[in-house]
Amino acid sequence: MAAPPGFAEHCAQLLAPHGPVRLKRMFGGHGLYVDELFIALISRQTLYLKADDATREQFRAAGGRIFAPQMPGRGVVELPYWTVPEEALESDAAMAPWARLAIGAALRARAAAGRRQAAASPRAANSCAVVMSGLSRVEVIAGSG
């Protein structure tokens, strides 16, 4: 997909209804954070949103393509980020359902990472960590003990 100048800023505007958006330059592209939650990346002027087992098929069914960069020494590596339909790039209303899927996938990934960290650290297992706030819900992981 060819993108006009300012494509990263355009994508940030499309995601803005879901919370404060931060663009970060990375690997020749951009990372996009909503409420400090990494939900998207831009590579070669193409937007990719985070997906997981719960959402991957929705992206695939809409004609999405997985982000599969060539990694030095590793070949092509598929990462859990997918393109959105062209029409989703036309308005924040059209982007909204895709953004919600990406936010959900990012929240689940963050919760899973918190559980892995808690399992690896006895001290962390006895604490309570807020995983994400400021979106549509707050997920709390409480340690046992």
C-alpha atoms as a PDB file:
ATOM      1  CA  MET A   1       0.000   0.000   0.000  1.00  0.00           C
ATOM      2  CA  ALA A   2       1.505   3.321  -1.017  1.00  0.00           C
ATOM      3  CA  ALA A   3       1.122   5.977   1.646  1.00  0.00           C
ATOM      4  CA  PRO A   4       1.210   9.739   1.444  1.00  0.00           C
ATOM      5  CA  PRO A   5       3.689  11.869   3.382  1.00  0.00           C
ATOM      6  CA  GLY A   6       2.519  12.092   6.973  1.00  0.00           C
ATOM      7  CA  PHE A   7       1.194   8.542   6.934  1.00  0.00           C
ATOM      8  CA  ALA A   8       2.379   7.834  10.491  1.00  0.00           C
ATOM      9  CA  GLU A   9       0.627  10.949  11.767  1.00  0.00           C
ATOM     10  CA  HIS A  10      -2.519   9.975   9.852  1.00  0.00           C
ATOM     11  CA  CYS A  11      -2.482   6.541  11.515  1.00  0.00           C
ATOM     12  CA  ALA A  12      -1.978   8.175  14.916  1.00  0.00           C
ATOM     13  CA  GLN A  13      -5.057  10.345  14.284  1.00  0.00           C
ATOM     14  CA  LEU A  14      -7.088   7.259  13.370  1.00  0.00           C
ATOM     15  CA  LEU A  15      -6.155   5.641  16.692  1.00  0.00           C
ATOM     16  CA  ALA A  16      -6.562   8.795  18.828  1.00  0.00           C
ATOM     17  CA  PRO A  17     -10.210   8.133  19.812  1.00  0.00           C
ATOM     18  CA  HIS A  18      -8.925   5.149  21.828  1.00  0.00           C
ATOM     19  CA  GLY A  19      -6.539   7.133  24.030  1.00  0.00           C
ATOM     20  CA  PRO A  20      -3.395   9.235  23.865  1.00  0.00           C
ATOM     21  CA  VAL A  21      -1.235   8.097  20.935  1.00  0.00           C
ATOM     22  CA  ARG A  22       2.541   8.176  20.904  1.00  0.00           C
ATOM     23  CA  LEU A  23       4.613   7.579  17.768  1.00  0.00           C
ATOM     24  CA  LYS A  24       8.109   6.184  18.197  1.00  0.00           C
ATOM     25  CA  ARG A  25      10.629   5.805  15.392  1.00  0.00           C
ATOM     26  CA  MET A  26      11.969   2.260  15.240  1.00  0.00           C
ATOM     27  CA  PHE A  27      13.767   0.094  12.693  1.00  0.00           C
ATOM     28  CA  GLY A  28      13.129   2.496   9.831  1.00  0.00           C
ATOM     29  CA  GLY A  29       9.421   2.688  10.648  1.00  0.00           C
ATOM     30  CA  HIS A  30       7.273   3.644  13.612  1.00  0.00           C
ATOM     31  CA  GLY A  31       5.737   2.018  16.644  1.00  0.00           C
ATOM     32  CA  LEU A  32       2.334   3.277  17.767  1.00  0.00           C
ATOM     33  CA  TYR A  33       1.290   3.281  21.397  1.00  0.00           C
ATOM     34  CA  VAL A  34      -2.218   3.968  22.680  1.00  0.00           C
ATOM     35  CA  ASP A  35      -2.243   4.784  26.397  1.00  0.00           C
ATOM     36  CA  GLU A  36       1.381   3.561  26.407  1.00  0.00           C
ATOM     37  CA  LEU A  37       0.242   0.157  25.114  1.00  0.00           C
ATOM     38  CA  PHE A  38       2.102  -0.960  21.960  1.00  0.00           C
ATOM     39  CA  ILE A  39      -0.621  -1.856  19.465  1.00  0.00           C
ATOM     40  CA  ALA A  40       0.717  -1.144  15.984  1.00  0.00           C
ATOM     41  CA  LEU A  41       3.707  -0.621  13.775  1.00  0.00           C
ATOM     42  CA  ILE A  42       4.365   1.015  10.457  1.00  0.00           C
ATOM     43  CA  SER A  43       6.895  -0.512   8.096  1.00  0.00           C
ATOM     44  CA  ARG A  44       7.428   0.621   4.512  1.00  0.00           C
ATOM     45  CA  GLN A  45       4.397   2.894   4.762  1.00  0.00           C
ATOM     46  CA  THR A  46       2.092   0.025   5.763  1.00  0.00           C
ATOM     47  CA  LEU A  47       0.158  -0.086   9.028  1.00  0.00           C
ATOM     48  CA  TYR A  48       0.129  -3.372  10.941  1.00  0.00           C
ATOM     49  CA  LEU A  49      -2.020  -3.890  14.062  1.00  0.00           C
ATOM     50  CA  LYS A  50      -1.290  -6.343  16.864  1.00  0.00           C
ATOM     51  CA  ALA A  51      -3.193  -9.622  16.707  1.00  0.00           C
ATOM     52  CA  ASP A  52      -3.196 -12.854  18.688  1.00  0.00           C
ATOM     53  CA  ASP A  53      -4.878 -16.269  18.648  1.00  0.00           C
ATOM     54  CA  ALA A  54      -8.222 -14.650  19.525  1.00  0.00           C
ATOM     55  CA  THR A  55      -8.134 -12.087  16.688  1.00  0.00           C
ATOM     56  CA  ARG A  56      -5.845 -13.415  13.943  1.00  0.00           C
ATOM     57  CA  GLU A  57      -8.645 -15.003  11.912  1.00  0.00           C
ATOM     58  CA  GLN A  58     -10.585 -11.731  11.762  1.00  0.00           C
ATOM     59  CA  PHE A  59      -7.591 -10.010  10.194  1.00  0.00           C
ATOM     60  CA  ARG A  60      -7.028 -12.934   7.815  1.00  0.00           C
ATOM     61  CA  ALA A  61     -10.725 -13.065   6.798  1.00  0.00           C
ATOM     62  CA  ALA A  62     -10.608  -9.341   5.965  1.00  0.00           C
ATOM     63  CA  GLY A  63      -7.686  -9.939   3.595  1.00  0.00           C
ATOM     64  CA  GLY A  64      -4.990  -8.868   6.045  1.00  0.00           C
ATOM     65  CA  ARG A  65      -1.336  -9.739   5.557  1.00  0.00           C
ATOM     66  CA  ILE A  66       0.956 -10.709   8.398  1.00  0.00           C
ATOM     67  CA  PHE A  67       4.086  -8.660   9.098  1.00  0.00           C
ATOM     68  CA  ALA A  68       6.948 -10.917   7.996  1.00  0.00           C
ATOM     69  CA  PRO A  69      10.247  -9.014   7.851  1.00  0.00           C
ATOM     70  CA  GLN A  70      13.551 -10.448   6.692  1.00  0.00           C
ATOM     71  CA  MET A  71      15.736 -10.723   9.825  1.00  0.00           C
ATOM     72  CA  PRO A  72      19.532 -10.911   9.489  1.00  0.00           C
ATOM     73  CA  GLY A  73      20.696 -14.434  10.232  1.00  0.00           C
ATOM     74  CA  ARG A  74      17.122 -15.670  10.798  1.00  0.00           C
ATOM     75  CA  GLY A  75      15.402 -15.302   7.435  1.00  0.00           C
ATOM     76  CA  VAL A  76      11.756 -14.297   7.239  1.00  0.00           C
ATOM     77  CA  VAL A  77      10.111 -14.074  10.652  1.00  0.00           C
ATOM     78  CA  GLU A  78       6.341 -13.747  11.049  1.00  0.00           C
ATOM     79  CA  LEU A  79       5.367 -11.364  13.844  1.00  0.00           C
ATOM     80  CA  PRO A  80       1.828 -11.031  15.268  1.00  0.00           C
ATOM     81  CA  TYR A  81       0.920  -7.839  13.405  1.00  0.00           C
ATOM     82  CA  TRP A  82      -1.540  -7.692  10.510  1.00  0.00           C
ATOM     83  CA  THR A  83      -2.656  -5.170   7.912  1.00  0.00           C
ATOM     84  CA  VAL A  84      -6.157  -3.749   8.039  1.00  0.00           C
ATOM     85  CA  PRO A  85      -8.613  -3.368   5.160  1.00  0.00           C
ATOM     86  CA  GLU A  86      -7.969  -0.248   3.023  1.00  0.00           C
ATOM     87  CA  GLU A  87     -11.259   1.311   4.118  1.00  0.00           C
ATOM     88  CA  ALA A  88     -10.112   1.227   7.768  1.00  0.00           C
ATOM     89  CA  LEU A  89      -7.508   3.835   6.813  1.00  0.00           C
ATOM     90  CA  GLU A  90     -10.198   6.263   5.659  1.00  0.00           C
ATOM     91  CA  SER A  91     -11.729   7.264   9.001  1.00  0.00           C
ATOM     92  CA  ASP A  92     -11.409   6.717  12.717  1.00  0.00           C
ATOM     93  CA  ALA A  93     -14.890   5.149  12.696  1.00  0.00           C
ATOM     94  CA  ALA A  94     -13.766   2.581  10.107  1.00  0.00           C
ATOM     95  CA  MET A  95     -10.561   1.954  12.085  1.00  0.00           C
ATOM     96  CA  ALA A  96     -12.365   1.596  15.445  1.00  0.00           C
ATOM     97  CA  PRO A  97     -13.209  -2.139  15.337  1.00  0.00           C
ATOM     98  CA  TRP A  98      -9.658  -2.985  14.223  1.00  0.00           C
ATOM     99  CA  ALA A  99      -8.133  -0.753  16.874  1.00  0.00           C
ATOM    100  CA  ARG A 100     -10.258  -2.466  19.546  1.00  0.00           C
ATOM    101  CA  LEU A 101      -9.010  -5.875  18.357  1.00  0.00           C
ATOM    102  CA  ALA A 102      -5.393  -4.673  18.562  1.00  0.00           C
ATOM    103  CA  ILE A 103      -5.891  -3.142  22.016  1.00  0.00           C
ATOM    104  CA  GLY A 104      -7.452  -6.389  23.235  1.00  0.00           C
ATOM    105  CA  ALA A 105      -4.544  -8.431  21.855  1.00  0.00           C
ATOM    106  CA  ALA A 106      -2.018  -6.076  23.461  1.00  0.00           C
ATOM    107  CA  LEU A 107      -3.824  -6.226  26.822  1.00  0.00           C
ATOM    108  CA  ARG A 108      -3.858 -10.029  26.727  1.00  0.00           C
ATOM    109  CA  ALA A 109      -0.147 -10.097  25.831  1.00  0.00           C
ATOM    110  CA  ARG A 110       0.656  -7.718  28.692  1.00  0.00           C
ATOM    111  CA  ALA A 111      -1.389  -9.803  31.143  1.00  0.00           C
ATOM    112  CA  ALA A 112       0.358 -12.995  30.002  1.00  0.00           C
ATOM    113  CA  ALA A 113       3.765 -11.323  30.385  1.00  0.00           C
ATOM    114  CA  GLY A 114       2.790 -10.245  33.899  1.00  0.00           C
ATOM    115  CA  ARG A 115       1.778 -13.806  34.770  1.00  0.00           C
ATOM    116  CA  ARG A 116       5.075 -15.155  33.386  1.00  0.00           C
ATOM    117  CA  GLN A 117       7.017 -12.570  35.379  1.00  0.00           C
ATOM    118  CA  ALA A 118       5.062 -13.345  38.535  1.00  0.00           C
ATOM    119  CA  ALA A 119       5.685 -17.061  38.089  1.00  0.00           C
ATOM    120  CA  ALA A 120       9.409 -16.427  37.659  1.00  0.00           C
ATOM    121  CA  SER A 121       9.674 -14.145  40.685  1.00  0.00           C
ATOM    122  CA  PRO A 122       8.455 -15.243  44.139  1.00  0.00           C
ATOM    123  CA  ARG A 123       8.490 -11.597  45.270  1.00  0.00           C
ATOM    124  CA  ALA A 124       6.353 -10.545  42.301  1.00  0.00           C
ATOM    125  CA  ALA A 125       3.944 -13.407  42.947  1.00  0.00           C
ATOM    126  CA  ASN A 126       3.081 -11.873  46.318  1.00  0.00           C
ATOM    127  CA  SER A 127       2.214  -8.489  44.846  1.00  0.00           C
ATOM    128  CA  CYS A 128      -0.625  -7.069  42.833  1.00  0.00           C
ATOM    129  CA  ALA A 129       0.150  -5.371  39.509  1.00  0.00           C
ATOM    130  CA  VAL A 130      -2.171  -3.203  37.472  1.00  0.00           C
ATOM    131  CA  VAL A 131      -1.678  -4.320  33.903  1.00  0.00           C
ATOM    132  CA  MET A 132      -3.498  -1.551  32.028  1.00  0.00           C
ATOM    133  CA  SER A 133      -5.746   1.344  32.859  1.00  0.00           C
ATOM    134  CA  GLY A 134      -7.296   4.201  30.984  1.00  0.00           C
ATOM    135  CA  LEU A 135      -9.007   2.227  28.239  1.00  0.00           C
ATOM    136  CA  SER A 136     -12.297   0.440  28.520  1.00  0.00           C
ATOM    137  CA  ARG A 137     -11.252  -1.721  31.461  1.00  0.00           C
ATOM    138  CA  VAL A 138      -8.577  -2.350  34.023  1.00  0.00           C
ATOM    139  CA  GLU A 139      -6.982  -5.751  34.305  1.00  0.00           C
ATOM    140  CA  VAL A 140      -5.394  -6.644  37.618  1.00  0.00           C
ATOM    141  CA  ILE A 141      -3.196  -9.632  38.216  1.00  0.00           C
ATOM    142  CA  ALA A 142      -3.154 -10.587  41.852  1.00  0.00           C
ATOM    143  CA  GLY A 143      -0.444 -12.842  43.151  1.00  0.00           C
ATOM    144  CA  SER A 144      -1.296 -15.802  45.283  1.00  0.00           C
ATOM    145  CA  GLY A 145       0.073 -15.883  48.743  1.00  0.00           C
END
